Amino acid sequence: MKLYKSIEEFYLSHFYLVIPLAIILIACVGSFGAYYITVKGMTVLNFTMLFFCVAGAMAYLTSILGQLARKTSFQIFFFSFVLEVVLLTINLLF
């Protein structure tokens, strides 16, 4: 929890500097996840994972473009990043 609070504090204090980095990070991890999901074929499970992968990346981008509160956009960023990493890990391991 201490790590989460320190990342959140850094994000909120350097908001305009972190936005491009966060967009690039979410886009790269999301595109890797989408690639490894589609490499295994398009079953119903893979299509569902691909939907969540795209929705996670899109959620952060819409929170920035929609000018949501900084704390809300950080929460969406954190949730999206964790979702993208989990989906990527699942597809790399199995």
PDB file of N, CA and C in Angstrom:
ATOM      1  N   MET A   1       0.822  -1.189   0.000  1.00  0.00           N
ATOM      2  CA  MET A   1       0.000   0.000   0.000  1.00  0.00           C
ATOM      3  C   MET A   1       0.870   1.259   0.000  1.00  0.00           C
ATOM      4  N   LYS A   2       2.022   1.153   0.640  1.00  0.00           N
ATOM      5  CA  LYS A   2       2.923   2.306   0.667  1.00  0.00           C
ATOM      6  C   LYS A   2       3.447   2.623  -0.735  1.00  0.00           C
ATOM      7  N   LEU A   3       3.716   1.575  -1.513  1.00  0.00           N
ATOM      8  CA  LEU A   3       4.175   1.777  -2.892  1.00  0.00           C
ATOM      9  C   LEU A   3       3.088   2.455  -3.724  1.00  0.00           C
ATOM     10  N   TYR A   4       1.836   2.016  -3.561  1.00  0.00           N
ATOM     11  CA  TYR A   4       0.726   2.620  -4.290  1.00  0.00           C
ATOM     12  C   TYR A   4       0.601   4.101  -3.950  1.00  0.00           C
ATOM     13  N   LYS A   5       0.701   4.435  -2.679  1.00  0.00           N
ATOM     14  CA  LYS A   5       0.579   5.838  -2.258  1.00  0.00           C
ATOM     15  C   LYS A   5       1.732   6.681  -2.793  1.00  0.00           C
ATOM     16  N   SER A   6       2.931   6.135  -2.823  1.00  0.00           N
ATOM     17  CA  SER A   6       4.064   6.913  -3.332  1.00  0.00           C
ATOM     18  C   SER A   6       3.944   7.111  -4.848  1.00  0.00           C
ATOM     19  N   ILE A   7       3.475   6.083  -5.566  1.00  0.00           N
ATOM     20  CA  ILE A   7       3.265   6.245  -7.014  1.00  0.00           C
ATOM     21  C   ILE A   7       2.159   7.257  -7.267  1.00  0.00           C
ATOM     22  N   GLU A   8       1.093   7.180  -6.475  1.00  0.00           N
ATOM     23  CA  GLU A   8      -0.011   8.123  -6.633  1.00  0.00           C
ATOM     24  C   GLU A   8       0.440   9.555  -6.346  1.00  0.00           C
ATOM     25  N   GLU A   9       1.229   9.740  -5.314  1.00  0.00           N
ATOM     26  CA  GLU A   9       1.728  11.078  -4.981  1.00  0.00           C
ATOM     27  C   GLU A   9       2.604  11.629  -6.100  1.00  0.00           C
ATOM     28  N   PHE A  10       3.480  10.777  -6.658  1.00  0.00           N
ATOM     29  CA  PHE A  10       4.322  11.213  -7.769  1.00  0.00           C
ATOM     30  C   PHE A  10       3.472  11.572  -8.985  1.00  0.00           C
ATOM     31  N   TYR A  11       2.479  10.735  -9.281  1.00  0.00           N
ATOM     32  CA  TYR A  11       1.604  10.971 -10.427  1.00  0.00           C
ATOM     33  C   TYR A  11       0.851  12.289 -10.269  1.00  0.00           C
ATOM     34  N   LEU A  12       0.324  12.530  -9.090  1.00  0.00           N
ATOM     35  CA  LEU A  12      -0.465  13.739  -8.875  1.00  0.00           C
ATOM     36  C   LEU A  12       0.391  15.000  -8.850  1.00  0.00           C
ATOM     37  N   SER A  13       1.615  14.892  -8.347  1.00  0.00           N
ATOM     38  CA  SER A  13       2.464  16.081  -8.274  1.00  0.00           C
ATOM     39  C   SER A  13       3.119  16.419  -9.618  1.00  0.00           C
ATOM     40  N   HIS A  14       3.303  15.434 -10.471  1.00  0.00           N
ATOM     41  CA  HIS A  14       3.894  15.651 -11.795  1.00  0.00           C
ATOM     42  C   HIS A  14       2.902  15.266 -12.891  1.00  0.00           C
ATOM     43  N   PHE A  15       1.676  15.669 -12.744  1.00  0.00           N
ATOM     44  CA  PHE A  15       0.579  15.202 -13.586  1.00  0.00           C
ATOM     45  C   PHE A  15       0.846  15.422 -15.069  1.00  0.00           C
ATOM     46  N   TYR A  16       1.185  16.640 -15.463  1.00  0.00           N
ATOM     47  CA  TYR A  16       1.352  16.946 -16.884  1.00  0.00           C
ATOM     48  C   TYR A  16       2.616  16.320 -17.475  1.00  0.00           C
ATOM     49  N   LEU A  17       3.589  16.018 -16.650  1.00  0.00           N
ATOM     50  CA  LEU A  17       4.792  15.354 -17.148  1.00  0.00           C
ATOM     51  C   LEU A  17       4.588  13.851 -17.300  1.00  0.00           C
ATOM     52  N   VAL A  18       3.714  13.286 -16.488  1.00  0.00           N
ATOM     53  CA  VAL A  18       3.518  11.842 -16.474  1.00  0.00           C
ATOM     54  C   VAL A  18       2.516  11.382 -17.534  1.00  0.00           C
ATOM     55  N   ILE A  19       1.637  12.275 -17.976  1.00  0.00           N
ATOM     56  CA  ILE A  19       0.601  11.880 -18.950  1.00  0.00           C
ATOM     57  C   ILE A  19       1.204  11.241 -20.205  1.00  0.00           C
ATOM     58  N   PRO A  20       2.190  11.851 -20.883  1.00  0.00           N
ATOM     59  CA  PRO A  20       2.740  11.186 -22.081  1.00  0.00           C
ATOM     60  C   PRO A  20       3.390   9.836 -21.774  1.00  0.00           C
ATOM     61  N   LEU A  21       4.088   9.747 -20.652  1.00  0.00           N
ATOM     62  CA  LEU A  21       4.713   8.489 -20.258  1.00  0.00           C
ATOM     63  C   LEU A  21       3.659   7.417 -19.994  1.00  0.00           C
ATOM     64  N   ALA A  22       2.588   7.797 -19.310  1.00  0.00           N
ATOM     65  CA  ALA A  22       1.531   6.837 -19.002  1.00  0.00           C
ATOM     66  C   ALA A  22       0.815   6.375 -20.267  1.00  0.00           C
ATOM     67  N   ILE A  23       0.577   7.283 -21.194  1.00  0.00           N
ATOM     68  CA  ILE A  23      -0.074   6.906 -22.450  1.00  0.00           C
ATOM     69  C   ILE A  23       0.805   5.934 -23.231  1.00  0.00           C
ATOM     70  N   ILE A  24       2.094   6.216 -23.316  1.00  0.00           N
ATOM     71  CA  ILE A  24       3.012   5.328 -24.030  1.00  0.00           C
ATOM     72  C   ILE A  24       3.100   3.979 -23.333  1.00  0.00           C
ATOM     73  N   LEU A  25       3.156   3.976 -22.015  1.00  0.00           N
ATOM     74  CA  LEU A  25       3.247   2.734 -21.256  1.00  0.00           C
ATOM     75  C   LEU A  25       2.012   1.866 -21.448  1.00  0.00           C
ATOM     76  N   ILE A  26       0.832   2.465 -21.313  1.00  0.00           N
ATOM     77  CA  ILE A  26      -0.414   1.716 -21.497  1.00  0.00           C
ATOM     78  C   ILE A  26      -0.527   1.219 -22.941  1.00  0.00           C
ATOM     79  N   ALA A  27      -0.161   2.054 -23.908  1.00  0.00           N
ATOM     80  CA  ALA A  27      -0.261   1.659 -25.318  1.00  0.00           C
ATOM     81  C   ALA A  27       0.686   0.510 -25.641  1.00  0.00           C
ATOM     82  N   CYS A  28       1.904   0.561 -25.133  1.00  0.00           N
ATOM     83  CA  CYS A  28       2.872  -0.504 -25.425  1.00  0.00           C
ATOM     84  C   CYS A  28       2.476  -1.824 -24.768  1.00  0.00           C
ATOM     85  N   VAL A  29       2.143  -1.772 -23.498  1.00  0.00           N
ATOM     86  CA  VAL A  29       1.756  -3.009 -22.807  1.00  0.00           C
ATOM     87  C   VAL A  29       0.469  -3.563 -23.406  1.00  0.00           C
ATOM     88  N   GLY A  30      -0.471  -2.684 -23.738  1.00  0.00           N
ATOM     89  CA  GLY A  30      -1.722  -3.123 -24.352  1.00  0.00           C
ATOM     90  C   GLY A  30      -1.522  -3.728 -25.726  1.00  0.00           C
ATOM     91  N   SER A  31      -0.621  -3.149 -26.514  1.00  0.00           N
ATOM     92  CA  SER A  31      -0.392  -3.705 -27.857  1.00  0.00           C
ATOM     93  C   SER A  31       0.333  -5.040 -27.785  1.00  0.00           C
ATOM     94  N   PHE A  32       1.259  -5.189 -26.831  1.00  0.00           N
ATOM     95  CA  PHE A  32       1.885  -6.498 -26.639  1.00  0.00           C
ATOM     96  C   PHE A  32       0.852  -7.534 -26.211  1.00  0.00           C
ATOM     97  N   GLY A  33      -0.011  -7.135 -25.297  1.00  0.00           N
ATOM     98  CA  GLY A  33      -1.071  -8.035 -24.847  1.00  0.00           C
ATOM     99  C   GLY A  33      -2.000  -8.423 -25.979  1.00  0.00           C
ATOM    100  N   ALA A  34      -2.410  -7.445 -26.785  1.00  0.00           N
ATOM    101  CA  ALA A  34      -3.307  -7.731 -27.910  1.00  0.00           C
ATOM    102  C   ALA A  34      -2.621  -8.640 -28.930  1.00  0.00           C
ATOM    103  N   TYR A  35      -1.339  -8.442 -29.156  1.00  0.00           N
ATOM    104  CA  TYR A  35      -0.615  -9.288 -30.098  1.00  0.00           C
ATOM    105  C   TYR A  35      -0.589 -10.742 -29.623  1.00  0.00           C
ATOM    106  N   TYR A  36      -0.202 -10.938 -28.362  1.00  0.00           N
ATOM    107  CA  TYR A  36      -0.097 -12.298 -27.863  1.00  0.00           C
ATOM    108  C   TYR A  36      -1.456 -12.967 -27.697  1.00  0.00           C
ATOM    109  N   ILE A  37      -2.510 -12.185 -27.513  1.00  0.00           N
ATOM    110  CA  ILE A  37      -3.853 -12.760 -27.470  1.00  0.00           C
ATOM    111  C   ILE A  37      -4.256 -13.246 -28.854  1.00  0.00           C
ATOM    112  N   THR A  38      -4.021 -12.436 -29.881  1.00  0.00           N
ATOM    113  CA  THR A  38      -4.460 -12.809 -31.228  1.00  0.00           C
ATOM    114  C   THR A  38      -3.574 -13.863 -31.878  1.00  0.00           C
ATOM    115  N   VAL A  39      -2.354 -14.038 -31.414  1.00  0.00           N
ATOM    116  CA  VAL A  39      -1.470 -15.062 -31.976  1.00  0.00           C
ATOM    117  C   VAL A  39      -2.044 -16.457 -31.734  1.00  0.00           C
ATOM    118  N   LYS A  40      -2.731 -16.622 -30.605  1.00  0.00           N
ATOM    119  CA  LYS A  40      -3.263 -17.949 -30.255  1.00  0.00           C
ATOM    120  C   LYS A  40      -4.576 -18.268 -30.950  1.00  0.00           C
ATOM    121  N   GLY A  41      -5.063 -17.402 -31.798  1.00  0.00           N
ATOM    122  CA  GLY A  41      -6.329 -17.658 -32.490  1.00  0.00           C
ATOM    123  C   GLY A  41      -7.463 -16.888 -31.832  1.00  0.00           C
ATOM    124  N   MET A  42      -8.599 -16.856 -32.508  1.00  0.00           N
ATOM    125  CA  MET A  42      -9.718 -16.070 -31.997  1.00  0.00           C
ATOM    126  C   MET A  42     -10.840 -16.970 -31.489  1.00  0.00           C
ATOM    127  N   THR A  43     -10.632 -17.539 -30.326  1.00  0.00           N
ATOM    128  CA  THR A  43     -11.698 -18.260 -29.654  1.00  0.00           C
ATOM    129  C   THR A  43     -12.540 -17.252 -28.879  1.00  0.00           C
ATOM    130  N   VAL A  44     -13.605 -17.716 -28.272  1.00  0.00           N
ATOM    131  CA  VAL A  44     -14.467 -16.821 -27.498  1.00  0.00           C
ATOM    132  C   VAL A  44     -13.701 -16.245 -26.304  1.00  0.00           C
ATOM    133  N   LEU A  45     -12.895 -17.076 -25.640  1.00  0.00           N
ATOM    134  CA  LEU A  45     -12.101 -16.606 -24.501  1.00  0.00           C
ATOM    135  C   LEU A  45     -11.076 -15.563 -24.939  1.00  0.00           C
ATOM    136  N   ASN A  46     -10.390 -15.815 -26.043  1.00  0.00           N
ATOM    137  CA  ASN A  46      -9.400 -14.859 -26.535  1.00  0.00           C
ATOM    138  C   ASN A  46     -10.055 -13.561 -26.983  1.00  0.00           C
ATOM    139  N   PHE A  47     -11.220 -13.661 -27.602  1.00  0.00           N
ATOM    140  CA  PHE A  47     -11.924 -12.453 -28.010  1.00  0.00           C
ATOM    141  C   PHE A  47     -12.348 -11.639 -26.790  1.00  0.00           C
ATOM    142  N   THR A  48     -12.773 -12.310 -25.725  1.00  0.00           N
ATOM    143  CA  THR A  48     -13.140 -11.618 -24.489  1.00  0.00           C
ATOM    144  C   THR A  48     -11.925 -10.943 -23.856  1.00  0.00           C
ATOM    145  N   MET A  49     -10.794 -11.642 -23.835  1.00  0.00           N
ATOM    146  CA  MET A  49      -9.575 -11.035 -23.296  1.00  0.00           C
ATOM    147  C   MET A  49      -9.133  -9.845 -24.144  1.00  0.00           C
ATOM    148  N   LEU A  50      -9.277  -9.956 -25.454  1.00  0.00           N
ATOM    149  CA  LEU A  50      -8.928  -8.854 -26.340  1.00  0.00           C
ATOM    150  C   LEU A  50      -9.837  -7.652 -26.084  1.00  0.00           C
ATOM    151  N   PHE A  51     -11.112  -7.912 -25.847  1.00  0.00           N
ATOM    152  CA  PHE A  51     -12.049  -6.835 -25.530  1.00  0.00           C
ATOM    153  C   PHE A  51     -11.620  -6.108 -24.262  1.00  0.00           C
ATOM    154  N   PHE A  52     -11.270  -6.852 -23.207  1.00  0.00           N
ATOM    155  CA  PHE A  52     -10.845  -6.213 -21.956  1.00  0.00           C
ATOM    156  C   PHE A  52      -9.510  -5.495 -22.111  1.00  0.00           C
ATOM    157  N   CYS A  53      -8.636  -6.031 -22.956  1.00  0.00           N
ATOM    158  CA  CYS A  53      -7.348  -5.389 -23.214  1.00  0.00           C
ATOM    159  C   CYS A  53      -7.547  -4.026 -23.876  1.00  0.00           C
ATOM    160  N   VAL A  54      -8.379  -3.985 -24.887  1.00  0.00           N
ATOM    161  CA  VAL A  54      -8.646  -2.724 -25.587  1.00  0.00           C
ATOM    162  C   VAL A  54      -9.434  -1.767 -24.693  1.00  0.00           C
ATOM    163  N   ALA A  55     -10.398  -2.277 -23.954  1.00  0.00           N
ATOM    164  CA  ALA A  55     -11.201  -1.433 -23.068  1.00  0.00           C
ATOM    165  C   ALA A  55     -10.354  -0.823 -21.961  1.00  0.00           C
ATOM    166  N   GLY A  56      -9.381  -1.572 -21.452  1.00  0.00           N
ATOM    167  CA  GLY A  56      -8.500  -1.043 -20.414  1.00  0.00           C
ATOM    168  C   GLY A  56      -7.652   0.117 -20.912  1.00  0.00           C
ATOM    169  N   ALA A  57      -7.074  -0.053 -22.092  1.00  0.00           N
ATOM    170  CA  ALA A  57      -6.259   1.021 -22.662  1.00  0.00           C
ATOM    171  C   ALA A  57      -7.126   2.225 -23.029  1.00  0.00           C
ATOM    172  N   MET A  58      -8.292   1.961 -23.558  1.00  0.00           N
ATOM    173  CA  MET A  58      -9.183   3.040 -23.971  1.00  0.00           C
ATOM    174  C   MET A  58      -9.736   3.803 -22.774  1.00  0.00           C
ATOM    175  N   ALA A  59      -9.918   3.125 -21.652  1.00  0.00           N
ATOM    176  CA  ALA A  59     -10.458   3.784 -20.460  1.00  0.00           C
ATOM    177  C   ALA A  59      -9.518   4.893 -19.983  1.00  0.00           C
ATOM    178  N   TYR A  60      -8.208   4.608 -19.967  1.00  0.00           N
ATOM    179  CA  TYR A  60      -7.277   5.646 -19.523  1.00  0.00           C
ATOM    180  C   TYR A  60      -7.224   6.803 -20.515  1.00  0.00           C
ATOM    181  N   LEU A  61      -7.205   6.492 -21.788  1.00  0.00           N
ATOM    182  CA  LEU A  61      -7.160   7.562 -22.781  1.00  0.00           C
ATOM    183  C   LEU A  61      -8.403   8.449 -22.705  1.00  0.00           C
ATOM    184  N   THR A  62      -9.559   7.852 -22.487  1.00  0.00           N
ATOM    185  CA  THR A  62     -10.771   8.664 -22.369  1.00  0.00           C
ATOM    186  C   THR A  62     -10.795   9.457 -21.074  1.00  0.00           C
ATOM    187  N   SER A  63     -10.179   8.945 -20.022  1.00  0.00           N
ATOM    188  CA  SER A  63     -10.136   9.720 -18.776  1.00  0.00           C
ATOM    189  C   SER A  63      -9.254  10.954 -18.925  1.00  0.00           C
ATOM    190  N   ILE A  64      -8.193  10.840 -19.706  1.00  0.00           N
ATOM    191  CA  ILE A  64      -7.332  12.000 -19.950  1.00  0.00           C
ATOM    192  C   ILE A  64      -8.022  12.985 -20.889  1.00  0.00           C
ATOM    193  N   LEU A  65      -8.579  12.468 -21.984  1.00  0.00           N
ATOM    194  CA  LEU A  65      -9.243  13.357 -22.940  1.00  0.00           C
ATOM    195  C   LEU A  65     -10.515  13.970 -22.365  1.00  0.00           C
ATOM    196  N   GLY A  66     -11.167  13.262 -21.475  1.00  0.00           N
ATOM    197  CA  GLY A  66     -12.378  13.779 -20.837  1.00  0.00           C
ATOM    198  C   GLY A  66     -12.084  14.703 -19.674  1.00  0.00           C
ATOM    199  N   GLN A  67     -10.814  14.906 -19.347  1.00  0.00           N
ATOM    200  CA  GLN A  67     -10.347  15.783 -18.286  1.00  0.00           C
ATOM    201  C   GLN A  67     -11.000  15.454 -16.945  1.00  0.00           C
ATOM    202  N   LEU A  68     -10.971  14.171 -16.602  1.00  0.00           N
ATOM    203  CA  LEU A  68     -11.460  13.762 -15.287  1.00  0.00           C
ATOM    204  C   LEU A  68     -10.500  14.266 -14.215  1.00  0.00           C
ATOM    205  N   ALA A  69     -10.906  14.155 -12.992  1.00  0.00           N
ATOM    206  CA  ALA A  69     -10.053  14.592 -11.885  1.00  0.00           C
ATOM    207  C   ALA A  69      -8.752  13.796 -11.887  1.00  0.00           C
ATOM    208  N   ARG A  70      -7.709  14.414 -11.373  1.00  0.00           N
ATOM    209  CA  ARG A  70      -6.391  13.778 -11.411  1.00  0.00           C
ATOM    210  C   ARG A  70      -6.373  12.460 -10.656  1.00  0.00           C
ATOM    211  N   LYS A  71      -6.995  12.449  -9.498  1.00  0.00           N
ATOM    212  CA  LYS A  71      -7.011  11.226  -8.698  1.00  0.00           C
ATOM    213  C   LYS A  71      -7.799  10.118  -9.405  1.00  0.00           C
ATOM    214  N   THR A  72      -8.901  10.479 -10.047  1.00  0.00           N
ATOM    215  CA  THR A  72      -9.693   9.498 -10.784  1.00  0.00           C
ATOM    216  C   THR A  72      -8.918   8.957 -11.975  1.00  0.00           C
ATOM    217  N   SER A  73      -8.218   9.826 -12.673  1.00  0.00           N
ATOM    218  CA  SER A  73      -7.440   9.354 -13.822  1.00  0.00           C
ATOM    219  C   SER A  73      -6.287   8.463 -13.370  1.00  0.00           C
ATOM    220  N   PHE A  74      -5.718   8.733 -12.188  1.00  0.00           N
ATOM    221  CA  PHE A  74      -4.676   7.838 -11.679  1.00  0.00           C
ATOM    222  C   PHE A  74      -5.246   6.475 -11.339  1.00  0.00           C
ATOM    223  N   GLN A  75      -6.408   6.442 -10.723  1.00  0.00           N
ATOM    224  CA  GLN A  75      -7.030   5.163 -10.391  1.00  0.00           C
ATOM    225  C   GLN A  75      -7.340   4.362 -11.648  1.00  0.00           C
ATOM    226  N   ILE A  76      -7.828   5.036 -12.678  1.00  0.00           N
ATOM    227  CA  ILE A  76      -8.100   4.359 -13.946  1.00  0.00           C
ATOM    228  C   ILE A  76      -6.794   3.884 -14.579  1.00  0.00           C
ATOM    229  N   PHE A  77      -5.752   4.711 -14.517  1.00  0.00           N
ATOM    230  CA  PHE A  77      -4.447   4.306 -15.048  1.00  0.00           C
ATOM    231  C   PHE A  77      -3.930   3.069 -14.332  1.00  0.00           C
ATOM    232  N   PHE A  78      -3.999   3.074 -13.020  1.00  0.00           N
ATOM    233  CA  PHE A  78      -3.472   1.956 -12.244  1.00  0.00           C
ATOM    234  C   PHE A  78      -4.251   0.674 -12.545  1.00  0.00           C
ATOM    235  N   PHE A  79      -5.579   0.778 -12.579  1.00  0.00           N
ATOM    236  CA  PHE A  79      -6.404  -0.387 -12.882  1.00  0.00           C
ATOM    237  C   PHE A  79      -6.128  -0.882 -14.302  1.00  0.00           C
ATOM    238  N   SER A  80      -6.008   0.027 -15.252  1.00  0.00           N
ATOM    239  CA  SER A  80      -5.742  -0.357 -16.641  1.00  0.00           C
ATOM    240  C   SER A  80      -4.381  -1.026 -16.777  1.00  0.00           C
ATOM    241  N   PHE A  81      -3.379  -0.473 -16.114  1.00  0.00           N
ATOM    242  CA  PHE A  81      -2.038  -1.044 -16.194  1.00  0.00           C
ATOM    243  C   PHE A  81      -2.001  -2.444 -15.593  1.00  0.00           C
ATOM    244  N   VAL A  82      -2.633  -2.611 -14.447  1.00  0.00           N
ATOM    245  CA  VAL A  82      -2.668  -3.941 -13.819  1.00  0.00           C
ATOM    246  C   VAL A  82      -3.417  -4.921 -14.709  1.00  0.00           C
ATOM    247  N   LEU A  83      -4.535  -4.487 -15.284  1.00  0.00           N
ATOM    248  CA  LEU A  83      -5.303  -5.351 -16.181  1.00  0.00           C
ATOM    249  C   LEU A  83      -4.480  -5.761 -17.392  1.00  0.00           C
ATOM    250  N   GLU A  84      -3.781  -4.821 -17.999  1.00  0.00           N
ATOM    251  CA  GLU A  84      -2.963  -5.119 -19.173  1.00  0.00           C
ATOM    252  C   GLU A  84      -1.832  -6.084 -18.826  1.00  0.00           C
ATOM    253  N   VAL A  85      -1.181  -5.877 -17.691  1.00  0.00           N
ATOM    254  CA  VAL A  85      -0.076  -6.751 -17.287  1.00  0.00           C
ATOM    255  C   VAL A  85      -0.586  -8.150 -16.969  1.00  0.00           C
ATOM    256  N   VAL A  86      -1.729  -8.245 -16.317  1.00  0.00           N
ATOM    257  CA  VAL A  86      -2.293  -9.565 -16.010  1.00  0.00           C
ATOM    258  C   VAL A  86      -2.648 -10.308 -17.299  1.00  0.00           C
ATOM    259  N   LEU A  87      -3.295  -9.631 -18.237  1.00  0.00           N
ATOM    260  CA  LEU A  87      -3.636 -10.281 -19.505  1.00  0.00           C
ATOM    261  C   LEU A  87      -2.395 -10.700 -20.285  1.00  0.00           C
ATOM    262  N   LEU A  88      -1.381  -9.853 -20.279  1.00  0.00           N
ATOM    263  CA  LEU A  88      -0.131 -10.199 -20.965  1.00  0.00           C
ATOM    264  C   LEU A  88       0.527 -11.391 -20.296  1.00  0.00           C
ATOM    265  N   THR A  89       0.557 -11.419 -18.980  1.00  0.00           N
ATOM    266  CA  THR A  89       1.172 -12.523 -18.242  1.00  0.00           C
ATOM    267  C   THR A  89       0.436 -13.829 -18.498  1.00  0.00           C
ATOM    268  N   ILE A  90      -0.887 -13.777 -18.482  1.00  0.00           N
ATOM    269  CA  ILE A  90      -1.684 -14.977 -18.750  1.00  0.00           C
ATOM    270  C   ILE A  90      -1.355 -15.540 -20.125  1.00  0.00           C
ATOM    271  N   ASN A  91      -1.250 -14.677 -21.111  1.00  0.00           N
ATOM    272  CA  ASN A  91      -0.996 -15.152 -22.468  1.00  0.00           C
ATOM    273  C   ASN A  91       0.443 -15.578 -22.693  1.00  0.00           C
ATOM    274  N   LEU A  92       1.369 -15.034 -21.936  1.00  0.00           N
ATOM    275  CA  LEU A  92       2.750 -15.475 -22.085  1.00  0.00           C
ATOM    276  C   LEU A  92       2.995 -16.806 -21.372  1.00  0.00           C
ATOM    277  N   LEU A  93       2.308 -17.039 -20.262  1.00  0.00           N
ATOM    278  CA  LEU A  93       2.547 -18.253 -19.490  1.00  0.00           C
ATOM    279  C   LEU A  93       1.751 -19.461 -19.973  1.00  0.00           C
ATOM    280  N   PHE A  94       0.571 -19.223 -20.522  1.00  0.00           N
ATOM    281  CA  PHE A  94      -0.292 -20.363 -20.888  1.00  0.00           C
ATOM    282  C   PHE A  94      -0.467 -20.470 -22.364  1.00  0.00           C
TER     283      PHE A  94
END
